Amino acid sequence: MRCHSCRRLSVSPICRACRALYLAPRPKTRRLGSGLVVTSLYSYDEIEPFLLTKHRPEGWWIYRILASEAFGELPPPKRACYVLPVDDDPSGGYSHTAILAKGLKPLGYRPLFGRLMAGNPLSYAGKPLAFRLENPREFRYTGPEGIALVLVDDIVTTGSTLQEAHTLLQRRGVEVMGAFVLADVDR
């Protein structure tokens, strides 16, 4: 196969040279209006070609590499903590957010799969803030209450999805410790 980035022959969809060049994480935090602290590992522009594979078959493998590279240097949680992928619907063959949640498992986070699902199936990709605010995700949470967790998603743009999830979880008695995302569009 060929590297997704440089197109050289590689045994992996992202060769070692491109991993070293493009996938060295640089964590930054942003506080959303709801108070949720979001840690992003990359700027969206830095890894956009990789992120755009999420709805293609090779995205399964590329997202596993992204999770491994991005989350490998994060510190483990200080206490028992779950990781909740945002809308980890596998209807397209796999869930990119579930892959990210699984990537946090070696650090000690316990994944809660299929527990935070959007009731509104609209895509937010490329949509302005007004569209996002007029069309909330209408999340349903079916996980345990009284736990601590972090949210995980691939991209944060306006923050409306994470804020909606944060607000719902707080109402359900869940302590949201923060959120991890691969990329922040506003970095």
N, C-alpha and C. Protein backbone atom coordinates (compact mmCIF):
# COMPACT_ATOMS: atom_id res chain seq x y z
N MET A 1 0.84 -1.18 0.00
CA MET A 1 0.00 0.00 0.00
C MET A 1 0.87 1.23 0.00
N ARG A 2 0.23 2.37 -0.17
CA ARG A 2 0.94 3.64 -0.18
C ARG A 2 0.50 4.49 1.01
N CYS A 3 1.42 5.28 1.50
CA CYS A 3 1.13 6.20 2.59
C CYS A 3 0.06 7.19 2.14
N HIS A 4 -0.92 7.42 2.99
CA HIS A 4 -2.01 8.33 2.68
C HIS A 4 -1.52 9.77 2.46
N SER A 5 -0.38 10.11 3.05
CA SER A 5 0.12 11.47 2.96
C SER A 5 1.14 11.66 1.83
N CYS A 6 2.22 10.91 1.87
CA CYS A 6 3.32 11.14 0.92
C CYS A 6 3.26 10.23 -0.31
N ARG A 7 2.40 9.23 -0.27
CA ARG A 7 2.17 8.28 -1.37
C ARG A 7 3.34 7.33 -1.60
N ARG A 8 4.33 7.31 -0.70
CA ARG A 8 5.41 6.32 -0.80
C ARG A 8 4.89 4.95 -0.37
N LEU A 9 5.55 3.89 -0.84
CA LEU A 9 5.19 2.55 -0.42
C LEU A 9 5.36 2.42 1.09
N SER A 10 4.40 1.77 1.73
CA SER A 10 4.41 1.67 3.18
C SER A 10 3.61 0.44 3.60
N VAL A 11 3.98 -0.15 4.72
CA VAL A 11 3.19 -1.26 5.26
C VAL A 11 2.01 -0.74 6.07
N SER A 12 1.96 0.56 6.30
CA SER A 12 0.91 1.20 7.08
C SER A 12 0.30 2.34 6.25
N PRO A 13 -0.96 2.68 6.50
CA PRO A 13 -1.56 3.78 5.73
C PRO A 13 -0.93 5.15 5.99
N ILE A 14 -0.18 5.27 7.07
CA ILE A 14 0.60 6.48 7.34
C ILE A 14 2.01 6.01 7.68
N CYS A 15 2.96 6.31 6.83
CA CYS A 15 4.33 5.83 7.03
C CYS A 15 4.96 6.48 8.27
N ARG A 16 6.04 5.88 8.72
CA ARG A 16 6.73 6.38 9.92
C ARG A 16 7.23 7.82 9.74
N ALA A 17 7.72 8.15 8.55
CA ALA A 17 8.22 9.51 8.30
C ALA A 17 7.09 10.52 8.42
N CYS A 18 5.93 10.22 7.86
CA CYS A 18 4.79 11.14 7.94
C CYS A 18 4.22 11.21 9.35
N ARG A 19 4.28 10.11 10.08
CA ARG A 19 3.85 10.15 11.49
C ARG A 19 4.73 11.12 12.27
N ALA A 20 6.03 11.01 12.07
CA ALA A 20 6.96 11.90 12.78
C ALA A 20 6.77 13.35 12.35
N LEU A 21 6.50 13.55 11.07
CA LEU A 21 6.38 14.90 10.52
C LEU A 21 5.06 15.57 10.90
N TYR A 22 3.96 14.82 10.84
CA TYR A 22 2.63 15.43 11.00
C TYR A 22 1.90 15.08 12.30
N LEU A 23 2.28 14.00 12.96
CA LEU A 23 1.45 13.52 14.06
C LEU A 23 2.08 13.65 15.44
N ALA A 24 3.02 14.57 15.60
CA ALA A 24 3.53 14.87 16.94
C ALA A 24 2.52 15.81 17.60
N PRO A 25 1.80 15.32 18.62
CA PRO A 25 0.74 16.15 19.20
C PRO A 25 1.28 17.38 19.93
N ARG A 26 0.50 18.45 19.87
CA ARG A 26 0.80 19.68 20.59
C ARG A 26 -0.47 20.08 21.34
N PRO A 27 -0.67 19.54 22.54
CA PRO A 27 -1.93 19.78 23.27
C PRO A 27 -2.16 21.26 23.58
N LYS A 28 -3.41 21.66 23.37
CA LYS A 28 -3.87 23.01 23.75
C LYS A 28 -5.26 22.86 24.35
N THR A 29 -5.60 23.79 25.22
CA THR A 29 -6.93 23.74 25.82
C THR A 29 -7.74 24.96 25.44
N ARG A 30 -9.05 24.75 25.44
CA ARG A 30 -10.00 25.84 25.19
C ARG A 30 -11.19 25.60 26.12
N ARG A 31 -11.66 26.66 26.77
CA ARG A 31 -12.84 26.56 27.64
C ARG A 31 -14.05 27.03 26.84
N LEU A 32 -15.05 26.16 26.76
CA LEU A 32 -16.29 26.50 26.06
C LEU A 32 -17.21 27.30 26.97
N GLY A 33 -18.24 27.86 26.40
CA GLY A 33 -19.20 28.67 27.16
C GLY A 33 -19.85 27.92 28.31
N SER A 34 -20.01 26.61 28.19
CA SER A 34 -20.62 25.81 29.26
C SER A 34 -19.64 25.54 30.40
N GLY A 35 -18.38 25.95 30.22
CA GLY A 35 -17.36 25.69 31.22
C GLY A 35 -16.53 24.46 30.93
N LEU A 36 -16.89 23.68 29.93
CA LEU A 36 -16.16 22.47 29.58
C LEU A 36 -14.79 22.84 29.02
N VAL A 37 -13.75 22.18 29.55
CA VAL A 37 -12.39 22.38 29.07
C VAL A 37 -12.09 21.30 28.03
N VAL A 38 -11.76 21.74 26.82
CA VAL A 38 -11.49 20.84 25.71
C VAL A 38 -10.00 20.86 25.40
N THR A 39 -9.38 19.68 25.42
CA THR A 39 -7.98 19.55 25.05
C THR A 39 -7.92 19.02 23.63
N SER A 40 -7.31 19.81 22.75
CA SER A 40 -7.11 19.37 21.36
C SER A 40 -5.63 19.04 21.19
N LEU A 41 -5.37 18.06 20.33
CA LEU A 41 -4.01 17.61 20.13
C LEU A 41 -3.36 18.21 18.89
N TYR A 42 -4.19 18.67 17.95
CA TYR A 42 -3.69 19.24 16.70
C TYR A 42 -4.59 20.39 16.27
N SER A 43 -4.06 21.20 15.39
CA SER A 43 -4.87 22.16 14.65
C SER A 43 -5.53 21.38 13.51
N TYR A 44 -6.75 21.74 13.18
CA TYR A 44 -7.47 21.04 12.11
C TYR A 44 -6.66 21.06 10.81
N ASP A 45 -6.10 22.20 10.46
CA ASP A 45 -5.35 22.34 9.21
C ASP A 45 -4.16 21.38 9.13
N GLU A 46 -3.57 21.04 10.27
CA GLU A 46 -2.40 20.17 10.29
C GLU A 46 -2.73 18.73 9.85
N ILE A 47 -3.93 18.26 10.18
CA ILE A 47 -4.22 16.85 9.92
C ILE A 47 -5.52 16.65 9.12
N GLU A 48 -5.98 17.70 8.46
CA GLU A 48 -7.24 17.61 7.71
C GLU A 48 -7.32 16.41 6.77
N PRO A 49 -6.30 16.10 5.95
CA PRO A 49 -6.42 14.95 5.04
C PRO A 49 -6.69 13.64 5.78
N PHE A 50 -6.14 13.49 6.96
CA PHE A 50 -6.37 12.27 7.75
C PHE A 50 -7.79 12.26 8.31
N LEU A 51 -8.24 13.41 8.80
CA LEU A 51 -9.58 13.49 9.38
C LEU A 51 -10.67 13.22 8.35
N LEU A 52 -10.44 13.60 7.13
CA LEU A 52 -11.45 13.45 6.08
C LEU A 52 -11.65 11.99 5.66
N THR A 53 -10.87 11.08 6.20
CA THR A 53 -11.05 9.65 5.87
C THR A 53 -12.10 8.98 6.75
N LYS A 54 -12.70 9.70 7.69
CA LYS A 54 -13.56 9.06 8.69
C LYS A 54 -14.77 8.35 8.10
N HIS A 55 -15.21 8.69 6.91
CA HIS A 55 -16.37 8.03 6.32
C HIS A 55 -15.97 7.11 5.16
N ARG A 56 -14.68 6.76 5.12
CA ARG A 56 -14.20 5.86 4.08
C ARG A 56 -13.62 4.61 4.75
N PRO A 57 -13.56 3.51 4.03
CA PRO A 57 -13.07 2.26 4.65
C PRO A 57 -11.68 2.38 5.28
N GLU A 58 -10.76 3.09 4.64
CA GLU A 58 -9.41 3.21 5.20
C GLU A 58 -9.37 4.07 6.46
N GLY A 59 -10.44 4.82 6.71
CA GLY A 59 -10.51 5.65 7.91
C GLY A 59 -10.41 4.84 9.19
N TRP A 60 -10.91 3.61 9.16
CA TRP A 60 -10.83 2.75 10.35
C TRP A 60 -9.39 2.61 10.79
N TRP A 61 -8.50 2.36 9.86
CA TRP A 61 -7.09 2.17 10.18
C TRP A 61 -6.41 3.50 10.49
N ILE A 62 -6.72 4.51 9.72
CA ILE A 62 -6.11 5.82 9.94
C ILE A 62 -6.50 6.40 11.30
N TYR A 63 -7.77 6.26 11.70
CA TYR A 63 -8.19 6.76 13.01
C TYR A 63 -7.53 5.99 14.15
N ARG A 64 -7.25 4.72 13.95
CA ARG A 64 -6.52 3.96 14.98
C ARG A 64 -5.11 4.54 15.14
N ILE A 65 -4.48 4.89 14.03
CA ILE A 65 -3.15 5.49 14.08
C ILE A 65 -3.23 6.87 14.75
N LEU A 66 -4.21 7.67 14.37
CA LEU A 66 -4.37 9.00 14.97
C LEU A 66 -4.55 8.90 16.48
N ALA A 67 -5.39 7.96 16.92
CA ALA A 67 -5.63 7.79 18.36
C ALA A 67 -4.35 7.39 19.08
N SER A 68 -3.61 6.47 18.50
CA SER A 68 -2.38 6.01 19.11
C SER A 68 -1.36 7.14 19.22
N GLU A 69 -1.18 7.87 18.15
CA GLU A 69 -0.19 8.96 18.13
C GLU A 69 -0.63 10.13 19.02
N ALA A 70 -1.89 10.51 18.95
CA ALA A 70 -2.39 11.69 19.67
C ALA A 70 -2.46 11.48 21.17
N PHE A 71 -3.00 10.33 21.58
CA PHE A 71 -3.27 10.12 22.99
C PHE A 71 -2.13 9.44 23.74
N GLY A 72 -1.13 8.98 23.03
CA GLY A 72 -0.05 8.23 23.65
C GLY A 72 0.73 8.98 24.71
N GLU A 73 0.77 10.29 24.61
CA GLU A 73 1.55 11.09 25.56
C GLU A 73 0.70 11.74 26.66
N LEU A 74 -0.62 11.54 26.62
CA LEU A 74 -1.46 12.14 27.65
C LEU A 74 -1.25 11.44 28.99
N PRO A 75 -1.38 12.18 30.08
CA PRO A 75 -1.25 11.54 31.39
C PRO A 75 -2.49 10.70 31.69
N PRO A 76 -2.33 9.64 32.47
CA PRO A 76 -3.50 8.83 32.85
C PRO A 76 -4.40 9.62 33.79
N PRO A 77 -5.65 9.21 33.92
CA PRO A 77 -6.55 9.92 34.84
C PRO A 77 -6.08 9.75 36.28
N LYS A 78 -6.34 10.74 37.11
CA LYS A 78 -5.91 10.71 38.51
C LYS A 78 -6.80 9.82 39.36
N ARG A 79 -7.99 9.51 38.84
CA ARG A 79 -8.90 8.61 39.55
C ARG A 79 -9.72 7.86 38.51
N ALA A 80 -10.52 6.92 38.97
CA ALA A 80 -11.34 6.12 38.06
C ALA A 80 -12.15 7.05 37.16
N CYS A 81 -12.05 6.83 35.86
CA CYS A 81 -12.69 7.73 34.92
C CYS A 81 -13.07 6.97 33.65
N TYR A 82 -14.24 7.28 33.16
CA TYR A 82 -14.72 6.70 31.92
C TYR A 82 -14.41 7.65 30.77
N VAL A 83 -14.48 7.14 29.55
CA VAL A 83 -14.41 7.97 28.35
C VAL A 83 -15.66 7.68 27.55
N LEU A 84 -16.34 8.75 27.15
CA LEU A 84 -17.60 8.64 26.45
C LEU A 84 -17.46 9.22 25.04
N PRO A 85 -17.47 8.36 24.02
CA PRO A 85 -17.40 8.89 22.65
C PRO A 85 -18.71 9.59 22.28
N VAL A 86 -18.60 10.70 21.58
CA VAL A 86 -19.78 11.45 21.17
C VAL A 86 -20.39 10.76 19.95
N ASP A 87 -21.63 10.34 20.08
CA ASP A 87 -22.41 9.75 18.97
C ASP A 87 -21.61 8.70 18.21
N ASP A 88 -21.27 7.61 18.90
CA ASP A 88 -20.44 6.56 18.28
C ASP A 88 -21.30 5.55 17.52
N ASP A 89 -22.06 6.06 16.57
CA ASP A 89 -22.94 5.25 15.73
C ASP A 89 -22.11 4.54 14.66
N PRO A 90 -22.11 3.20 14.66
CA PRO A 90 -21.30 2.46 13.69
C PRO A 90 -22.02 2.15 12.37
N SER A 91 -23.05 2.91 12.05
CA SER A 91 -23.86 2.58 10.87
C SER A 91 -23.08 2.65 9.56
N GLY A 92 -21.98 3.36 9.52
CA GLY A 92 -21.16 3.42 8.32
C GLY A 92 -20.10 2.34 8.27
N GLY A 93 -20.21 1.33 9.12
CA GLY A 93 -19.23 0.24 9.16
C GLY A 93 -18.36 0.28 10.40
N TYR A 94 -18.11 1.46 10.93
CA TYR A 94 -17.35 1.63 12.17
C TYR A 94 -17.64 3.03 12.70
N SER A 95 -17.28 3.27 13.93
CA SER A 95 -17.44 4.58 14.54
C SER A 95 -16.07 5.18 14.82
N HIS A 96 -15.79 6.32 14.22
CA HIS A 96 -14.49 6.96 14.44
C HIS A 96 -14.34 7.43 15.89
N THR A 97 -15.44 7.84 16.54
CA THR A 97 -15.31 8.28 17.93
C THR A 97 -15.11 7.09 18.87
N ALA A 98 -15.66 5.94 18.52
CA ALA A 98 -15.41 4.73 19.32
C ALA A 98 -13.95 4.32 19.22
N ILE A 99 -13.36 4.47 18.04
CA ILE A 99 -11.94 4.17 17.86
C ILE A 99 -11.11 5.09 18.75
N LEU A 100 -11.49 6.36 18.82
CA LEU A 100 -10.76 7.31 19.67
C LEU A 100 -10.90 6.93 21.14
N ALA A 101 -12.11 6.55 21.56
CA ALA A 101 -12.32 6.14 22.96
C ALA A 101 -11.46 4.92 23.29
N LYS A 102 -11.41 3.97 22.39
CA LYS A 102 -10.60 2.78 22.60
C LYS A 102 -9.11 3.14 22.70
N GLY A 103 -8.70 4.19 21.99
CA GLY A 103 -7.32 4.65 22.06
C GLY A 103 -6.94 5.22 23.41
N LEU A 104 -7.93 5.61 24.22
CA LEU A 104 -7.65 6.12 25.56
C LEU A 104 -7.63 5.02 26.62
N LYS A 105 -8.05 3.83 26.24
CA LYS A 105 -8.12 2.71 27.19
C LYS A 105 -6.75 2.36 27.79
N PRO A 106 -5.65 2.32 27.01
CA PRO A 106 -4.35 1.99 27.61
C PRO A 106 -3.90 2.97 28.71
N LEU A 107 -4.47 4.17 28.71
CA LEU A 107 -4.12 5.15 29.75
C LEU A 107 -4.91 4.92 31.04
N GLY A 108 -5.94 4.08 30.98
CA GLY A 108 -6.73 3.80 32.18
C GLY A 108 -8.16 4.30 32.10
N TYR A 109 -8.56 4.90 30.99
CA TYR A 109 -9.94 5.33 30.82
C TYR A 109 -10.78 4.11 30.42
N ARG A 110 -12.00 4.04 30.94
CA ARG A 110 -12.90 2.93 30.63
C ARG A 110 -13.95 3.41 29.63
N PRO A 111 -13.92 2.89 28.41
CA PRO A 111 -14.88 3.34 27.39
C PRO A 111 -16.33 2.94 27.70
N LEU A 112 -17.23 3.85 27.42
CA LEU A 112 -18.68 3.61 27.49
C LEU A 112 -19.22 3.74 26.07
N PHE A 113 -19.33 2.63 25.37
CA PHE A 113 -19.75 2.67 23.98
C PHE A 113 -21.27 2.71 23.85
N GLY A 114 -21.74 3.46 22.85
CA GLY A 114 -23.17 3.49 22.52
C GLY A 114 -24.06 4.11 23.58
N ARG A 115 -23.52 4.98 24.41
CA ARG A 115 -24.30 5.56 25.53
C ARG A 115 -24.71 7.01 25.33
N LEU A 116 -24.10 7.69 24.36
CA LEU A 116 -24.45 9.09 24.07
C LEU A 116 -24.71 9.19 22.56
N MET A 117 -25.98 9.08 22.21
CA MET A 117 -26.34 9.02 20.80
C MET A 117 -27.21 10.22 20.43
N ALA A 118 -26.98 10.75 19.22
CA ALA A 118 -27.74 11.89 18.73
C ALA A 118 -29.10 11.42 18.24
N GLY A 119 -30.14 12.14 18.62
CA GLY A 119 -31.48 11.87 18.12
C GLY A 119 -31.74 12.55 16.79
N ASN A 120 -30.94 13.59 16.51
CA ASN A 120 -31.07 14.34 15.27
C ASN A 120 -29.95 13.89 14.33
N PRO A 121 -30.28 13.26 13.20
CA PRO A 121 -29.25 12.70 12.32
C PRO A 121 -28.59 13.69 11.36
N LEU A 122 -28.90 14.97 11.45
CA LEU A 122 -28.32 15.94 10.53
C LEU A 122 -26.80 16.02 10.68
N SER A 123 -26.13 16.25 9.58
CA SER A 123 -24.68 16.44 9.59
C SER A 123 -24.38 17.92 9.82
N TYR A 124 -23.40 18.18 10.67
CA TYR A 124 -22.97 19.55 10.94
C TYR A 124 -21.80 19.97 10.06
N ALA A 125 -21.26 19.05 9.30
CA ALA A 125 -20.05 19.33 8.51
C ALA A 125 -20.24 20.55 7.61
N GLY A 126 -19.39 21.55 7.80
CA GLY A 126 -19.41 22.75 6.98
C GLY A 126 -20.55 23.71 7.25
N LYS A 127 -21.36 23.44 8.27
CA LYS A 127 -22.52 24.29 8.56
C LYS A 127 -22.14 25.41 9.53
N PRO A 128 -22.77 26.59 9.38
CA PRO A 128 -22.46 27.71 10.28
C PRO A 128 -23.07 27.51 11.67
N LEU A 129 -22.63 28.34 12.60
CA LEU A 129 -23.12 28.27 13.97
C LEU A 129 -24.63 28.40 14.05
N ALA A 130 -25.22 29.28 13.25
CA ALA A 130 -26.68 29.46 13.28
C ALA A 130 -27.39 28.15 12.98
N PHE A 131 -26.91 27.39 12.00
CA PHE A 131 -27.52 26.10 11.68
C PHE A 131 -27.39 25.14 12.85
N ARG A 132 -26.23 25.11 13.46
CA ARG A 132 -25.99 24.21 14.59
C ARG A 132 -26.90 24.55 15.77
N LEU A 133 -27.08 25.84 16.02
CA LEU A 133 -27.93 26.25 17.14
C LEU A 133 -29.41 25.98 16.86
N GLU A 134 -29.82 26.12 15.61
CA GLU A 134 -31.22 25.85 15.24
C GLU A 134 -31.53 24.36 15.18
N ASN A 135 -30.51 23.52 15.08
CA ASN A 135 -30.68 22.08 14.92
C ASN A 135 -29.83 21.33 15.94
N PRO A 136 -30.22 21.35 17.21
CA PRO A 136 -29.40 20.66 18.21
C PRO A 136 -29.35 19.15 17.95
N ARG A 137 -28.35 18.50 18.52
CA ARG A 137 -28.15 17.06 18.34
C ARG A 137 -29.23 16.22 19.02
N GLU A 138 -29.86 16.77 20.05
CA GLU A 138 -30.89 16.03 20.80
C GLU A 138 -30.33 14.71 21.33
N PHE A 139 -29.23 14.80 22.05
CA PHE A 139 -28.57 13.62 22.59
C PHE A 139 -29.44 12.86 23.56
N ARG A 140 -29.25 11.53 23.57
CA ARG A 140 -29.83 10.64 24.57
C ARG A 140 -28.66 9.95 25.27
N TYR A 141 -28.68 9.98 26.59
CA TYR A 141 -27.63 9.32 27.38
C TYR A 141 -28.25 8.15 28.12
N THR A 142 -27.68 6.96 27.94
CA THR A 142 -28.19 5.76 28.59
C THR A 142 -27.16 5.11 29.50
N GLY A 143 -26.15 5.85 29.88
CA GLY A 143 -25.10 5.31 30.75
C GLY A 143 -25.41 5.52 32.21
N PRO A 144 -24.49 5.08 33.06
CA PRO A 144 -24.69 5.22 34.51
C PRO A 144 -24.58 6.68 34.97
N GLU A 145 -25.27 6.97 36.05
CA GLU A 145 -25.18 8.30 36.67
C GLU A 145 -24.17 8.24 37.81
N GLY A 146 -23.75 9.40 38.29
CA GLY A 146 -22.84 9.46 39.43
C GLY A 146 -21.42 9.00 39.12
N ILE A 147 -21.01 9.10 37.87
CA ILE A 147 -19.65 8.71 37.48
C ILE A 147 -18.88 9.93 36.99
N ALA A 148 -17.58 9.77 36.86
CA ALA A 148 -16.73 10.80 36.26
C ALA A 148 -16.31 10.31 34.88
N LEU A 149 -16.29 11.23 33.92
CA LEU A 149 -15.90 10.83 32.57
C LEU A 149 -15.32 12.01 31.81
N VAL A 150 -14.68 11.68 30.69
CA VAL A 150 -14.25 12.67 29.71
C VAL A 150 -14.98 12.33 28.41
N LEU A 151 -15.31 13.36 27.67
CA LEU A 151 -15.90 13.18 26.35
C LEU A 151 -14.77 13.08 25.33
N VAL A 152 -15.03 12.38 24.22
CA VAL A 152 -14.04 12.33 23.15
C VAL A 152 -14.76 12.48 21.81
N ASP A 153 -14.16 13.32 20.96
CA ASP A 153 -14.69 13.56 19.61
C ASP A 153 -13.50 13.82 18.70
N ASP A 154 -13.76 13.86 17.41
CA ASP A 154 -12.64 14.06 16.49
C ASP A 154 -12.31 15.54 16.29
N ILE A 155 -13.35 16.37 16.14
CA ILE A 155 -13.14 17.78 15.80
C ILE A 155 -14.02 18.66 16.67
N VAL A 156 -13.49 19.80 17.09
CA VAL A 156 -14.31 20.83 17.72
C VAL A 156 -14.23 22.07 16.82
N THR A 157 -15.41 22.59 16.49
CA THR A 157 -15.47 23.83 15.70
C THR A 157 -16.08 24.90 16.60
N THR A 158 -17.39 25.00 16.61
CA THR A 158 -18.05 26.00 17.47
C THR A 158 -18.13 25.54 18.91
N GLY A 159 -18.06 24.23 19.14
CA GLY A 159 -18.20 23.68 20.48
C GLY A 159 -19.63 23.35 20.85
N SER A 160 -20.57 23.60 19.94
CA SER A 160 -21.99 23.39 20.28
C SER A 160 -22.31 21.92 20.59
N THR A 161 -21.71 20.99 19.87
CA THR A 161 -21.98 19.57 20.13
C THR A 161 -21.49 19.18 21.51
N LEU A 162 -20.26 19.54 21.83
CA LEU A 162 -19.70 19.19 23.15
C LEU A 162 -20.44 19.89 24.27
N GLN A 163 -20.85 21.13 24.05
CA GLN A 163 -21.60 21.85 25.09
C GLN A 163 -22.96 21.21 25.33
N GLU A 164 -23.63 20.80 24.26
CA GLU A 164 -24.93 20.14 24.41
C GLU A 164 -24.77 18.83 25.20
N ALA A 165 -23.74 18.06 24.85
CA ALA A 165 -23.48 16.81 25.57
C ALA A 165 -23.14 17.10 27.04
N HIS A 166 -22.32 18.08 27.28
CA HIS A 166 -21.90 18.46 28.64
C HIS A 166 -23.12 18.83 29.50
N THR A 167 -23.99 19.66 28.95
CA THR A 167 -25.18 20.10 29.69
C THR A 167 -26.08 18.91 30.03
N LEU A 168 -26.33 18.04 29.07
CA LEU A 168 -27.16 16.86 29.31
C LEU A 168 -26.56 15.97 30.39
N LEU A 169 -25.27 15.71 30.31
CA LEU A 169 -24.62 14.83 31.27
C LEU A 169 -24.65 15.42 32.68
N GLN A 170 -24.46 16.72 32.79
CA GLN A 170 -24.54 17.36 34.11
C GLN A 170 -25.93 17.20 34.71
N ARG A 171 -26.95 17.37 33.87
CA ARG A 171 -28.33 17.18 34.36
C ARG A 171 -28.59 15.74 34.81
N ARG A 172 -27.85 14.80 34.24
CA ARG A 172 -28.01 13.39 34.58
C ARG A 172 -27.09 12.96 35.73
N GLY A 173 -26.43 13.91 36.38
CA GLY A 173 -25.61 13.58 37.54
C GLY A 173 -24.24 13.02 37.20
N VAL A 174 -23.74 13.31 36.01
CA VAL A 174 -22.44 12.82 35.58
C VAL A 174 -21.43 13.97 35.71
N GLU A 175 -20.29 13.67 36.29
CA GLU A 175 -19.22 14.66 36.40
C GLU A 175 -18.37 14.60 35.14
N VAL A 176 -18.43 15.64 34.32
CA VAL A 176 -17.65 15.68 33.08
C VAL A 176 -16.34 16.40 33.39
N MET A 177 -15.25 15.63 33.34
CA MET A 177 -13.94 16.14 33.71
C MET A 177 -13.30 16.99 32.61
N GLY A 178 -13.79 16.87 31.38
CA GLY A 178 -13.24 17.59 30.24
C GLY A 178 -13.56 16.84 28.97
N ALA A 179 -12.87 17.23 27.91
CA ALA A 179 -13.05 16.56 26.62
C ALA A 179 -11.72 16.52 25.90
N PHE A 180 -11.51 15.44 25.15
CA PHE A 180 -10.36 15.30 24.27
C PHE A 180 -10.86 15.29 22.84
N VAL A 181 -10.22 16.06 21.99
CA VAL A 181 -10.52 16.03 20.55
C VAL A 181 -9.20 15.95 19.81
N LEU A 182 -9.26 15.35 18.63
CA LEU A 182 -8.04 15.33 17.82
C LEU A 182 -7.67 16.73 17.36
N ALA A 183 -8.67 17.45 16.82
CA ALA A 183 -8.35 18.73 16.17
C ALA A 183 -9.33 19.82 16.56
N ASP A 184 -8.81 21.02 16.66
CA ASP A 184 -9.60 22.22 16.92
C ASP A 184 -9.49 23.11 15.68
N VAL A 185 -10.63 23.43 15.10
CA VAL A 185 -10.66 24.26 13.91
C VAL A 185 -10.17 25.68 14.21
N ASP A 186 -10.38 26.17 15.42
CA ASP A 186 -10.03 27.55 15.79
C ASP A 186 -8.61 27.74 16.28
N ARG A 187 -7.78 26.72 16.23
CA ARG A 187 -6.40 26.87 16.72
C ARG A 187 -5.56 27.66 15.76
